[in-house]
Amino acid sequence: MVDAIKRLRDKTSAGVGACQKALKEANGDVDKAVEILRKQGASLASKKAGREAKDGRIESYIHQGGKIGVLIEVNCESDFVARNDDFKAFVRDLAMQVAASNPIYVKKDDVPPEAVEKEKEIIKAQIKDKPVSAIEKITEGKLAKFYEDACLVEQPFIKDSSMKVKDLLTSMVAKIGENIVIRRFVRYQVGEEIK
């Protein structure tokens, strides 16, 4: 049981008591317990989502010998949490995620409607020879892939590809007990064109 709790804590960062309870509910199955904790975290996160997050921190990250740099702002409700080591590590992980995966937007809602329409046009051109019955399903899948590439919270987390960044955010809200908002980021790369 102790080994299962340790594995579950490593996967979710949840507290010992929450891990014990989830493992008991999942009859010792660690994967089921992860799912239970994520559902609990999602429920808790949705309750806290309306609360104002005006504190937080700005983190910088420099990668590849100074070739890629990221600044990211992540907000929380109190300066106490902003100074918390878990919160700091979370923000640093997000900065590394941006450096590694080069998203354009924070979340789906940030994508301008014209960018979505342009992507749909590209998808339609790519699949015009497919059967009509399959076009809608293929379009949905390709659009989901577009969001996964373009939106930070939709991306697989670089340190654990079994979860998305939004799952990591949800688990951090559950762990810390405050609303957390990924506000914005900017990524610089030596040699990239200035638009």
N, C-alpha and C. Protein backbone atom coordinates (compact mmCIF):
# COMPACT_ATOMS: atom_id res chain seq x y z
N MET A 1 0.83 -1.20 0.00
CA MET A 1 0.00 0.00 0.00
C MET A 1 0.87 1.26 0.00
N VAL A 2 1.96 1.24 0.77
CA VAL A 2 2.85 2.40 0.86
C VAL A 2 3.45 2.72 -0.51
N ASP A 3 3.85 1.66 -1.26
CA ASP A 3 4.42 1.84 -2.60
C ASP A 3 3.39 2.44 -3.54
N ALA A 4 2.15 1.97 -3.45
CA ALA A 4 1.07 2.49 -4.30
C ALA A 4 0.80 3.97 -4.01
N ILE A 5 0.83 4.33 -2.73
CA ILE A 5 0.62 5.73 -2.34
C ILE A 5 1.74 6.59 -2.91
N LYS A 6 2.98 6.11 -2.80
CA LYS A 6 4.12 6.86 -3.32
C LYS A 6 3.98 7.05 -4.83
N ARG A 7 3.63 5.99 -5.56
CA ARG A 7 3.46 6.08 -7.02
C ARG A 7 2.35 7.05 -7.37
N LEU A 8 1.27 7.00 -6.61
CA LEU A 8 0.13 7.89 -6.87
C LEU A 8 0.50 9.35 -6.58
N ARG A 9 1.23 9.58 -5.51
CA ARG A 9 1.67 10.95 -5.19
C ARG A 9 2.61 11.48 -6.26
N ASP A 10 3.50 10.60 -6.77
CA ASP A 10 4.42 11.01 -7.83
C ASP A 10 3.67 11.41 -9.10
N LYS A 11 2.58 10.71 -9.38
CA LYS A 11 1.80 10.99 -10.59
C LYS A 11 0.90 12.20 -10.46
N THR A 12 0.40 12.47 -9.25
CA THR A 12 -0.63 13.50 -9.10
C THR A 12 -0.26 14.66 -8.19
N SER A 13 0.75 14.52 -7.38
CA SER A 13 1.14 15.53 -6.37
C SER A 13 0.06 15.72 -5.31
N ALA A 14 -0.88 14.81 -5.21
CA ALA A 14 -1.94 14.90 -4.20
C ALA A 14 -1.37 14.52 -2.83
N GLY A 15 -2.06 14.93 -1.78
CA GLY A 15 -1.63 14.63 -0.42
C GLY A 15 -1.80 13.15 -0.08
N VAL A 16 -1.13 12.72 0.98
CA VAL A 16 -1.16 11.31 1.40
C VAL A 16 -2.58 10.84 1.69
N GLY A 17 -3.33 11.65 2.43
CA GLY A 17 -4.71 11.27 2.79
C GLY A 17 -5.59 11.11 1.56
N ALA A 18 -5.47 12.05 0.62
CA ALA A 18 -6.27 11.97 -0.62
C ALA A 18 -5.88 10.74 -1.42
N CYS A 19 -4.59 10.42 -1.45
CA CYS A 19 -4.13 9.23 -2.17
C CYS A 19 -4.66 7.95 -1.53
N GLN A 20 -4.62 7.89 -0.21
CA GLN A 20 -5.14 6.71 0.50
C GLN A 20 -6.62 6.51 0.19
N LYS A 21 -7.38 7.58 0.27
CA LYS A 21 -8.81 7.52 0.02
C LYS A 21 -9.11 7.09 -1.42
N ALA A 22 -8.38 7.66 -2.37
CA ALA A 22 -8.58 7.32 -3.79
C ALA A 22 -8.20 5.87 -4.07
N LEU A 23 -7.11 5.41 -3.46
CA LEU A 23 -6.68 4.01 -3.65
C LEU A 23 -7.70 3.05 -3.05
N LYS A 24 -8.26 3.41 -1.90
CA LYS A 24 -9.28 2.57 -1.27
C LYS A 24 -10.50 2.48 -2.18
N GLU A 25 -10.93 3.62 -2.72
CA GLU A 25 -12.08 3.66 -3.62
C GLU A 25 -11.82 2.89 -4.91
N ALA A 26 -10.54 2.87 -5.35
CA ALA A 26 -10.16 2.19 -6.60
C ALA A 26 -9.69 0.75 -6.36
N ASN A 27 -9.88 0.26 -5.14
CA ASN A 27 -9.46 -1.10 -4.78
C ASN A 27 -7.98 -1.36 -5.09
N GLY A 28 -7.15 -0.35 -4.82
CA GLY A 28 -5.70 -0.51 -4.98
C GLY A 28 -5.18 -0.26 -6.38
N ASP A 29 -6.03 -0.01 -7.35
CA ASP A 29 -5.63 0.23 -8.74
C ASP A 29 -5.14 1.68 -8.87
N VAL A 30 -3.84 1.86 -9.10
CA VAL A 30 -3.24 3.20 -9.14
C VAL A 30 -3.82 4.03 -10.29
N ASP A 31 -3.99 3.42 -11.47
CA ASP A 31 -4.52 4.17 -12.62
C ASP A 31 -5.94 4.66 -12.37
N LYS A 32 -6.77 3.81 -11.75
CA LYS A 32 -8.13 4.22 -11.39
C LYS A 32 -8.10 5.34 -10.35
N ALA A 33 -7.16 5.23 -9.41
CA ALA A 33 -7.02 6.24 -8.36
C ALA A 33 -6.61 7.59 -8.96
N VAL A 34 -5.74 7.56 -9.97
CA VAL A 34 -5.35 8.80 -10.67
C VAL A 34 -6.59 9.45 -11.27
N GLU A 35 -7.43 8.65 -11.91
CA GLU A 35 -8.66 9.15 -12.52
C GLU A 35 -9.59 9.76 -11.47
N ILE A 36 -9.72 9.08 -10.34
CA ILE A 36 -10.58 9.57 -9.25
C ILE A 36 -10.08 10.92 -8.75
N LEU A 37 -8.77 11.02 -8.54
CA LEU A 37 -8.19 12.28 -8.05
C LEU A 37 -8.34 13.40 -9.07
N ARG A 38 -8.20 13.08 -10.35
CA ARG A 38 -8.36 14.11 -11.39
C ARG A 38 -9.79 14.62 -11.42
N LYS A 39 -10.76 13.71 -11.26
CA LYS A 39 -12.18 14.12 -11.24
C LYS A 39 -12.45 15.02 -10.04
N GLN A 40 -11.90 14.64 -8.88
CA GLN A 40 -12.07 15.46 -7.68
C GLN A 40 -11.42 16.82 -7.87
N GLY A 41 -10.23 16.82 -8.49
CA GLY A 41 -9.53 18.08 -8.75
C GLY A 41 -10.30 18.96 -9.71
N ALA A 42 -10.90 18.36 -10.75
CA ALA A 42 -11.69 19.12 -11.71
C ALA A 42 -12.90 19.75 -11.03
N SER A 43 -13.53 19.00 -10.14
CA SER A 43 -14.68 19.52 -9.42
C SER A 43 -14.27 20.69 -8.52
N LEU A 44 -13.17 20.52 -7.81
CA LEU A 44 -12.67 21.58 -6.93
C LEU A 44 -12.25 22.80 -7.75
N ALA A 45 -11.57 22.57 -8.87
CA ALA A 45 -11.10 23.67 -9.71
C ALA A 45 -12.27 24.47 -10.27
N SER A 46 -13.35 23.78 -10.66
CA SER A 46 -14.50 24.51 -11.21
C SER A 46 -15.16 25.37 -10.14
N LYS A 47 -15.14 24.93 -8.88
CA LYS A 47 -15.70 25.74 -7.78
C LYS A 47 -14.86 26.99 -7.53
N LYS A 48 -13.55 26.88 -7.74
CA LYS A 48 -12.65 27.99 -7.46
C LYS A 48 -12.45 28.90 -8.67
N ALA A 49 -12.90 28.48 -9.85
CA ALA A 49 -12.63 29.21 -11.08
C ALA A 49 -13.16 30.64 -11.08
N GLY A 50 -14.25 30.90 -10.38
CA GLY A 50 -14.82 32.24 -10.36
C GLY A 50 -14.10 33.21 -9.44
N ARG A 51 -13.23 32.69 -8.60
CA ARG A 51 -12.53 33.56 -7.66
C ARG A 51 -11.42 34.34 -8.36
N GLU A 52 -11.20 35.56 -7.91
CA GLU A 52 -10.24 36.44 -8.56
C GLU A 52 -8.81 36.05 -8.20
N ALA A 53 -7.96 35.98 -9.23
CA ALA A 53 -6.55 35.65 -9.05
C ALA A 53 -5.72 36.86 -9.47
N LYS A 54 -5.37 37.71 -8.48
CA LYS A 54 -4.66 38.94 -8.79
C LYS A 54 -3.19 38.91 -8.36
N ASP A 55 -2.79 37.88 -7.65
CA ASP A 55 -1.40 37.76 -7.24
C ASP A 55 -0.72 36.78 -8.19
N GLY A 56 0.45 36.31 -7.85
CA GLY A 56 1.11 35.32 -8.70
C GLY A 56 2.57 35.66 -8.92
N ARG A 57 3.08 35.15 -10.05
CA ARG A 57 4.49 35.40 -10.34
C ARG A 57 4.76 35.37 -11.84
N ILE A 58 5.83 36.03 -12.20
CA ILE A 58 6.34 35.97 -13.57
C ILE A 58 7.63 35.19 -13.50
N GLU A 59 7.72 34.19 -14.34
CA GLU A 59 8.89 33.30 -14.35
C GLU A 59 9.60 33.45 -15.69
N SER A 60 10.92 33.41 -15.66
CA SER A 60 11.70 33.39 -16.90
C SER A 60 12.39 32.04 -17.02
N TYR A 61 12.60 31.64 -18.26
CA TYR A 61 13.30 30.38 -18.51
C TYR A 61 14.14 30.55 -19.78
N ILE A 62 15.40 30.22 -19.69
CA ILE A 62 16.31 30.29 -20.84
C ILE A 62 16.77 28.88 -21.16
N HIS A 63 16.71 28.52 -22.45
CA HIS A 63 16.99 27.14 -22.87
C HIS A 63 18.02 27.13 -23.99
N GLN A 64 18.67 26.01 -24.16
CA GLN A 64 19.62 25.76 -25.25
C GLN A 64 20.71 26.82 -25.34
N GLY A 65 21.39 27.05 -24.25
CA GLY A 65 22.51 27.97 -24.26
C GLY A 65 22.14 29.38 -24.68
N GLY A 66 20.97 29.82 -24.28
CA GLY A 66 20.56 31.19 -24.58
C GLY A 66 19.90 31.35 -25.93
N LYS A 67 19.46 30.28 -26.56
CA LYS A 67 18.82 30.36 -27.89
C LYS A 67 17.30 30.52 -27.81
N ILE A 68 16.70 30.08 -26.71
CA ILE A 68 15.25 30.21 -26.51
C ILE A 68 15.01 30.79 -25.12
N GLY A 69 14.13 31.78 -25.04
CA GLY A 69 13.78 32.38 -23.76
C GLY A 69 12.28 32.53 -23.63
N VAL A 70 11.76 32.35 -22.41
CA VAL A 70 10.32 32.44 -22.15
C VAL A 70 10.08 33.30 -20.92
N LEU A 71 9.06 34.14 -21.00
CA LEU A 71 8.51 34.83 -19.83
C LEU A 71 7.06 34.39 -19.73
N ILE A 72 6.62 33.99 -18.54
CA ILE A 72 5.24 33.56 -18.35
C ILE A 72 4.69 34.17 -17.07
N GLU A 73 3.42 34.57 -17.12
CA GLU A 73 2.73 35.09 -15.93
C GLU A 73 1.64 34.11 -15.54
N VAL A 74 1.71 33.65 -14.30
CA VAL A 74 0.69 32.76 -13.75
C VAL A 74 0.17 33.40 -12.47
N ASN A 75 -1.14 33.55 -12.39
CA ASN A 75 -1.75 34.23 -11.25
C ASN A 75 -2.40 33.26 -10.28
N CYS A 76 -2.44 33.67 -9.01
CA CYS A 76 -3.12 32.94 -7.95
C CYS A 76 -3.81 33.99 -7.07
N GLU A 77 -4.41 33.57 -5.99
CA GLU A 77 -5.20 34.48 -5.17
C GLU A 77 -4.40 35.21 -4.09
N SER A 78 -3.26 34.66 -3.67
CA SER A 78 -2.55 35.27 -2.55
C SER A 78 -1.04 35.24 -2.76
N ASP A 79 -0.34 36.18 -2.11
CA ASP A 79 1.12 36.19 -2.20
C ASP A 79 1.73 35.00 -1.45
N PHE A 80 0.98 34.48 -0.49
CA PHE A 80 1.44 33.29 0.24
C PHE A 80 1.62 32.12 -0.73
N VAL A 81 0.64 31.89 -1.59
CA VAL A 81 0.73 30.82 -2.59
C VAL A 81 1.80 31.15 -3.63
N ALA A 82 1.89 32.42 -4.02
CA ALA A 82 2.88 32.83 -5.02
C ALA A 82 4.30 32.52 -4.57
N ARG A 83 4.53 32.47 -3.26
CA ARG A 83 5.86 32.16 -2.72
C ARG A 83 6.04 30.68 -2.41
N ASN A 84 4.96 29.90 -2.54
CA ASN A 84 4.97 28.46 -2.25
C ASN A 84 5.88 27.73 -3.25
N ASP A 85 6.70 26.81 -2.76
CA ASP A 85 7.64 26.08 -3.63
C ASP A 85 6.93 25.27 -4.70
N ASP A 86 5.78 24.66 -4.37
CA ASP A 86 5.03 23.88 -5.36
C ASP A 86 4.53 24.78 -6.49
N PHE A 87 4.04 25.96 -6.12
CA PHE A 87 3.55 26.90 -7.12
C PHE A 87 4.70 27.38 -8.01
N LYS A 88 5.83 27.69 -7.40
CA LYS A 88 7.01 28.13 -8.17
C LYS A 88 7.44 27.05 -9.15
N ALA A 89 7.47 25.80 -8.69
CA ALA A 89 7.87 24.69 -9.56
C ALA A 89 6.87 24.52 -10.72
N PHE A 90 5.59 24.69 -10.41
CA PHE A 90 4.54 24.61 -11.43
C PHE A 90 4.75 25.67 -12.50
N VAL A 91 5.01 26.90 -12.08
CA VAL A 91 5.20 28.00 -13.04
C VAL A 91 6.46 27.75 -13.88
N ARG A 92 7.50 27.25 -13.25
CA ARG A 92 8.73 26.94 -14.00
C ARG A 92 8.48 25.83 -15.02
N ASP A 93 7.73 24.81 -14.62
CA ASP A 93 7.38 23.74 -15.56
C ASP A 93 6.61 24.29 -16.76
N LEU A 94 5.71 25.25 -16.50
CA LEU A 94 4.96 25.85 -17.60
C LEU A 94 5.88 26.63 -18.52
N ALA A 95 6.85 27.34 -17.96
CA ALA A 95 7.81 28.08 -18.79
C ALA A 95 8.62 27.12 -19.66
N MET A 96 9.02 25.98 -19.09
CA MET A 96 9.74 24.97 -19.87
C MET A 96 8.84 24.40 -20.97
N GLN A 97 7.57 24.19 -20.64
CA GLN A 97 6.59 23.68 -21.62
C GLN A 97 6.51 24.63 -22.82
N VAL A 98 6.43 25.92 -22.55
CA VAL A 98 6.34 26.92 -23.62
C VAL A 98 7.62 26.90 -24.46
N ALA A 99 8.78 26.80 -23.80
CA ALA A 99 10.05 26.75 -24.52
C ALA A 99 10.11 25.52 -25.44
N ALA A 100 9.66 24.38 -24.92
CA ALA A 100 9.77 23.12 -25.66
C ALA A 100 8.73 22.97 -26.77
N SER A 101 7.50 23.41 -26.52
CA SER A 101 6.42 23.07 -27.45
C SER A 101 5.88 24.26 -28.25
N ASN A 102 6.34 25.46 -27.95
CA ASN A 102 6.03 26.66 -28.73
C ASN A 102 4.54 26.87 -29.03
N PRO A 103 3.69 26.92 -27.99
CA PRO A 103 2.28 27.22 -28.24
C PRO A 103 2.11 28.69 -28.64
N ILE A 104 0.95 29.00 -29.21
CA ILE A 104 0.67 30.38 -29.62
C ILE A 104 -0.28 31.04 -28.63
N TYR A 105 -1.23 30.26 -28.12
CA TYR A 105 -2.27 30.78 -27.23
C TYR A 105 -2.24 30.03 -25.90
N VAL A 106 -2.88 30.61 -24.88
CA VAL A 106 -2.98 29.92 -23.59
C VAL A 106 -4.06 28.84 -23.66
N LYS A 107 -5.27 29.20 -24.16
CA LYS A 107 -6.39 28.25 -24.18
C LYS A 107 -7.22 28.45 -25.45
N LYS A 108 -8.16 27.54 -25.68
CA LYS A 108 -8.99 27.57 -26.88
C LYS A 108 -9.72 28.91 -27.05
N ASP A 109 -10.23 29.45 -25.94
CA ASP A 109 -10.98 30.71 -26.00
C ASP A 109 -10.13 31.88 -26.52
N ASP A 110 -8.81 31.75 -26.45
CA ASP A 110 -7.91 32.82 -26.90
C ASP A 110 -7.69 32.80 -28.42
N VAL A 111 -8.04 31.69 -29.07
CA VAL A 111 -7.82 31.57 -30.51
C VAL A 111 -8.86 32.42 -31.24
N PRO A 112 -8.42 33.38 -32.06
CA PRO A 112 -9.38 34.23 -32.78
C PRO A 112 -10.24 33.40 -33.73
N PRO A 113 -11.52 33.74 -33.86
CA PRO A 113 -12.42 32.98 -34.75
C PRO A 113 -11.89 32.88 -36.18
N GLU A 114 -11.22 33.94 -36.66
CA GLU A 114 -10.69 33.89 -38.03
C GLU A 114 -9.57 32.85 -38.17
N ALA A 115 -8.79 32.62 -37.10
CA ALA A 115 -7.75 31.58 -37.13
C ALA A 115 -8.38 30.20 -37.19
N VAL A 116 -9.48 30.01 -36.45
CA VAL A 116 -10.20 28.73 -36.48
C VAL A 116 -10.79 28.49 -37.87
N GLU A 117 -11.40 29.52 -38.45
CA GLU A 117 -11.99 29.40 -39.79
C GLU A 117 -10.93 29.08 -40.83
N LYS A 118 -9.77 29.74 -40.73
CA LYS A 118 -8.67 29.47 -41.66
C LYS A 118 -8.21 28.02 -41.54
N GLU A 119 -8.12 27.54 -40.31
CA GLU A 119 -7.71 26.15 -40.08
C GLU A 119 -8.74 25.18 -40.68
N LYS A 120 -10.04 25.50 -40.50
CA LYS A 120 -11.09 24.65 -41.08
C LYS A 120 -11.00 24.61 -42.60
N GLU A 121 -10.68 25.75 -43.23
CA GLU A 121 -10.51 25.80 -44.69
C GLU A 121 -9.36 24.90 -45.12
N ILE A 122 -8.26 24.96 -44.40
CA ILE A 122 -7.09 24.12 -44.71
C ILE A 122 -7.47 22.64 -44.57
N ILE A 123 -8.17 22.31 -43.51
CA ILE A 123 -8.59 20.92 -43.27
C ILE A 123 -9.51 20.46 -44.40
N LYS A 124 -10.49 21.29 -44.78
CA LYS A 124 -11.41 20.92 -45.85
C LYS A 124 -10.67 20.67 -47.15
N ALA A 125 -9.67 21.48 -47.46
CA ALA A 125 -8.86 21.29 -48.68
C ALA A 125 -8.09 19.97 -48.62
N GLN A 126 -7.62 19.60 -47.42
CA GLN A 126 -6.84 18.37 -47.26
C GLN A 126 -7.70 17.12 -47.40
N ILE A 127 -8.98 17.21 -47.01
CA ILE A 127 -9.82 16.01 -46.97
C ILE A 127 -10.96 16.04 -47.99
N LYS A 128 -10.85 16.87 -49.00
CA LYS A 128 -11.95 17.02 -49.96
C LYS A 128 -12.29 15.73 -50.70
N ASP A 129 -11.35 14.80 -50.80
CA ASP A 129 -11.59 13.54 -51.51
C ASP A 129 -12.12 12.43 -50.61
N LYS A 130 -12.28 12.72 -49.35
CA LYS A 130 -12.78 11.72 -48.40
C LYS A 130 -14.30 11.59 -48.52
N PRO A 131 -14.85 10.45 -48.07
CA PRO A 131 -16.31 10.28 -48.10
C PRO A 131 -17.01 11.33 -47.23
N VAL A 132 -18.14 11.81 -47.70
CA VAL A 132 -18.90 12.86 -47.01
C VAL A 132 -19.21 12.46 -45.57
N SER A 133 -19.51 11.18 -45.37
CA SER A 133 -19.86 10.71 -44.03
C SER A 133 -18.69 10.81 -43.04
N ALA A 134 -17.46 10.82 -43.55
CA ALA A 134 -16.29 10.85 -42.68
C ALA A 134 -15.73 12.26 -42.48
N ILE A 135 -16.14 13.19 -43.32
CA ILE A 135 -15.55 14.54 -43.29
C ILE A 135 -15.71 15.23 -41.94
N GLU A 136 -16.91 15.16 -41.35
CA GLU A 136 -17.13 15.85 -40.07
C GLU A 136 -16.24 15.29 -38.96
N LYS A 137 -16.15 13.96 -38.90
CA LYS A 137 -15.33 13.31 -37.87
C LYS A 137 -13.84 13.63 -38.07
N ILE A 138 -13.39 13.60 -39.32
CA ILE A 138 -11.99 13.92 -39.62
C ILE A 138 -11.70 15.38 -39.28
N THR A 139 -12.62 16.27 -39.63
CA THR A 139 -12.46 17.69 -39.33
C THR A 139 -12.35 17.91 -37.82
N GLU A 140 -13.21 17.26 -37.05
CA GLU A 140 -13.16 17.36 -35.58
C GLU A 140 -11.81 16.95 -35.04
N GLY A 141 -11.31 15.80 -35.53
CA GLY A 141 -10.02 15.27 -35.07
C GLY A 141 -8.86 16.20 -35.41
N LYS A 142 -8.87 16.72 -36.64
CA LYS A 142 -7.79 17.61 -37.07
C LYS A 142 -7.86 18.95 -36.34
N LEU A 143 -9.07 19.41 -36.04
CA LEU A 143 -9.22 20.65 -35.29
C LEU A 143 -8.73 20.47 -33.85
N ALA A 144 -9.02 19.31 -33.26
CA ALA A 144 -8.52 19.00 -31.91
C ALA A 144 -6.99 18.99 -31.91
N LYS A 145 -6.39 18.45 -32.97
CA LYS A 145 -4.93 18.41 -33.09
C LYS A 145 -4.38 19.84 -33.22
N PHE A 146 -5.09 20.69 -33.98
CA PHE A 146 -4.69 22.10 -34.11
C PHE A 146 -4.67 22.76 -32.73
N TYR A 147 -5.74 22.57 -31.95
CA TYR A 147 -5.80 23.17 -30.60
C TYR A 147 -4.67 22.62 -29.72
N GLU A 148 -4.39 21.34 -29.85
CA GLU A 148 -3.33 20.72 -29.05
C GLU A 148 -1.96 21.33 -29.37
N ASP A 149 -1.74 21.64 -30.63
CA ASP A 149 -0.48 22.27 -31.04
C ASP A 149 -0.42 23.74 -30.65
N ALA A 150 -1.54 24.45 -30.81
CA ALA A 150 -1.56 25.90 -30.67
C ALA A 150 -1.82 26.41 -29.25
N CYS A 151 -2.49 25.62 -28.41
CA CYS A 151 -2.93 26.09 -27.09
C CYS A 151 -2.16 25.38 -25.97
N LEU A 152 -1.53 26.16 -25.13
CA LEU A 152 -0.71 25.63 -24.03
C LEU A 152 -1.47 24.61 -23.18
N VAL A 153 -2.68 24.94 -22.72
CA VAL A 153 -3.38 24.04 -21.79
C VAL A 153 -3.87 22.76 -22.45
N GLU A 154 -3.93 22.71 -23.78
CA GLU A 154 -4.38 21.51 -24.49
C GLU A 154 -3.23 20.56 -24.81
N GLN A 155 -1.99 21.00 -24.58
CA GLN A 155 -0.83 20.19 -24.94
C GLN A 155 -0.54 19.10 -23.92
N PRO A 156 0.01 17.96 -24.39
CA PRO A 156 0.50 16.95 -23.44
C PRO A 156 1.64 17.57 -22.62
N PHE A 157 1.63 17.33 -21.32
CA PHE A 157 2.65 17.89 -20.44
C PHE A 157 3.99 17.24 -20.76
N ILE A 158 5.04 18.04 -20.92
CA ILE A 158 6.34 17.51 -21.36
C ILE A 158 6.98 16.54 -20.37
N LYS A 159 6.63 16.65 -19.09
CA LYS A 159 7.22 15.75 -18.09
C LYS A 159 6.38 14.49 -17.88
N ASP A 160 5.15 14.46 -18.38
CA ASP A 160 4.27 13.30 -18.26
C ASP A 160 3.20 13.38 -19.35
N SER A 161 3.48 12.77 -20.49
CA SER A 161 2.59 12.90 -21.65
C SER A 161 1.24 12.23 -21.46
N SER A 162 1.04 11.51 -20.35
CA SER A 162 -0.26 10.90 -20.09
C SER A 162 -1.28 11.94 -19.60
N MET A 163 -0.79 13.15 -19.29
CA MET A 163 -1.71 14.20 -18.85
C MET A 163 -1.47 15.46 -19.68
N LYS A 164 -2.53 16.26 -19.80
CA LYS A 164 -2.40 17.53 -20.51
C LYS A 164 -2.07 18.63 -19.50
N VAL A 165 -1.63 19.75 -20.00
CA VAL A 165 -1.29 20.88 -19.12
C VAL A 165 -2.52 21.30 -18.31
N LYS A 166 -3.72 21.23 -18.92
CA LYS A 166 -4.93 21.60 -18.17
C LYS A 166 -5.18 20.64 -17.00
N ASP A 167 -4.79 19.36 -17.14
CA ASP A 167 -4.91 18.40 -16.03
C ASP A 167 -3.93 18.76 -14.91
N LEU A 168 -2.73 19.17 -15.31
CA LEU A 168 -1.73 19.60 -14.33
C LEU A 168 -2.23 20.84 -13.58
N LEU A 169 -2.82 21.78 -14.31
CA LEU A 169 -3.39 22.99 -13.71
C LEU A 169 -4.49 22.62 -12.71
N THR A 170 -5.37 21.72 -13.11
CA THR A 170 -6.47 21.28 -12.24
C THR A 170 -5.93 20.65 -10.96
N SER A 171 -4.92 19.79 -11.11
CA SER A 171 -4.36 19.14 -9.91
C SER A 171 -3.66 20.15 -9.01
N MET A 172 -3.06 21.19 -9.59
CA MET A 172 -2.40 22.22 -8.78
C MET A 172 -3.44 23.05 -8.02
N VAL A 173 -4.57 23.36 -8.65
CA VAL A 173 -5.65 24.08 -7.97
C VAL A 173 -6.15 23.24 -6.79
N ALA A 174 -6.33 21.94 -7.04
CA ALA A 174 -6.81 21.05 -5.98
C ALA A 174 -5.80 20.96 -4.83
N LYS A 175 -4.53 20.91 -5.17
CA LYS A 175 -3.49 20.77 -4.16
C LYS A 175 -3.32 22.05 -3.34
N ILE A 176 -3.31 23.19 -4.01
CA ILE A 176 -3.05 24.46 -3.34
C ILE A 176 -4.30 25.05 -2.71
N GLY A 177 -5.45 24.83 -3.34
CA GLY A 177 -6.70 25.31 -2.78
C GLY A 177 -7.06 26.74 -3.17
N GLU A 178 -6.41 27.24 -4.20
CA GLU A 178 -6.73 28.57 -4.71
C GLU A 178 -6.93 28.49 -6.22
N ASN A 179 -7.66 29.48 -6.76
CA ASN A 179 -7.79 29.58 -8.20
C ASN A 179 -6.43 29.95 -8.78
N ILE A 180 -6.05 29.31 -9.87
CA ILE A 180 -4.80 29.60 -10.57
C ILE A 180 -5.15 29.86 -12.02
N VAL A 181 -4.59 30.94 -12.57
CA VAL A 181 -4.86 31.32 -13.95
C VAL A 181 -3.54 31.51 -14.68
N ILE A 182 -3.38 30.80 -15.80
CA ILE A 182 -2.23 31.05 -16.67
C ILE A 182 -2.62 32.27 -17.50
N ARG A 183 -2.02 33.40 -17.20
CA ARG A 183 -2.46 34.67 -17.78
C ARG A 183 -1.90 34.88 -19.19
N ARG A 184 -0.58 34.79 -19.35
CA ARG A 184 0.03 35.07 -20.65
C ARG A 184 1.47 34.59 -20.66
N PHE A 185 2.03 34.53 -21.86
CA PHE A 185 3.44 34.18 -22.01
C PHE A 185 3.97 34.78 -23.30
N VAL A 186 5.29 34.87 -23.37
CA VAL A 186 5.96 35.26 -24.61
C VAL A 186 7.20 34.38 -24.74
N ARG A 187 7.46 33.94 -25.96
CA ARG A 187 8.59 33.05 -26.23
C ARG A 187 9.47 33.70 -27.30
N TYR A 188 10.76 33.75 -27.02
CA TYR A 188 11.72 34.31 -27.96
C TYR A 188 12.65 33.20 -28.42
N GLN A 189 13.01 33.23 -29.70
CA GLN A 189 13.98 32.28 -30.22
C GLN A 189 14.94 33.03 -31.13
N VAL A 190 16.22 32.85 -30.91
CA VAL A 190 17.23 33.52 -31.71
C VAL A 190 17.03 33.17 -33.17
N GLY A 191 17.02 34.20 -34.01
CA GLY A 191 16.91 33.98 -35.45
C GLY A 191 15.49 33.93 -36.00
N GLU A 192 14.47 33.95 -35.13
CA GLU A 192 13.11 33.90 -35.67
C GLU A 192 12.74 35.25 -36.24
N GLU A 193 11.83 35.23 -37.21
CA GLU A 193 11.41 36.46 -37.86
C GLU A 193 10.54 37.29 -36.92
N ILE A 194 10.70 38.58 -36.99
CA ILE A 194 9.88 39.49 -36.20
C ILE A 194 8.68 39.87 -37.04
N LYS A 195 7.46 39.68 -36.44
CA LYS A 195 6.24 39.96 -37.19
C LYS A 195 5.66 41.29 -36.80
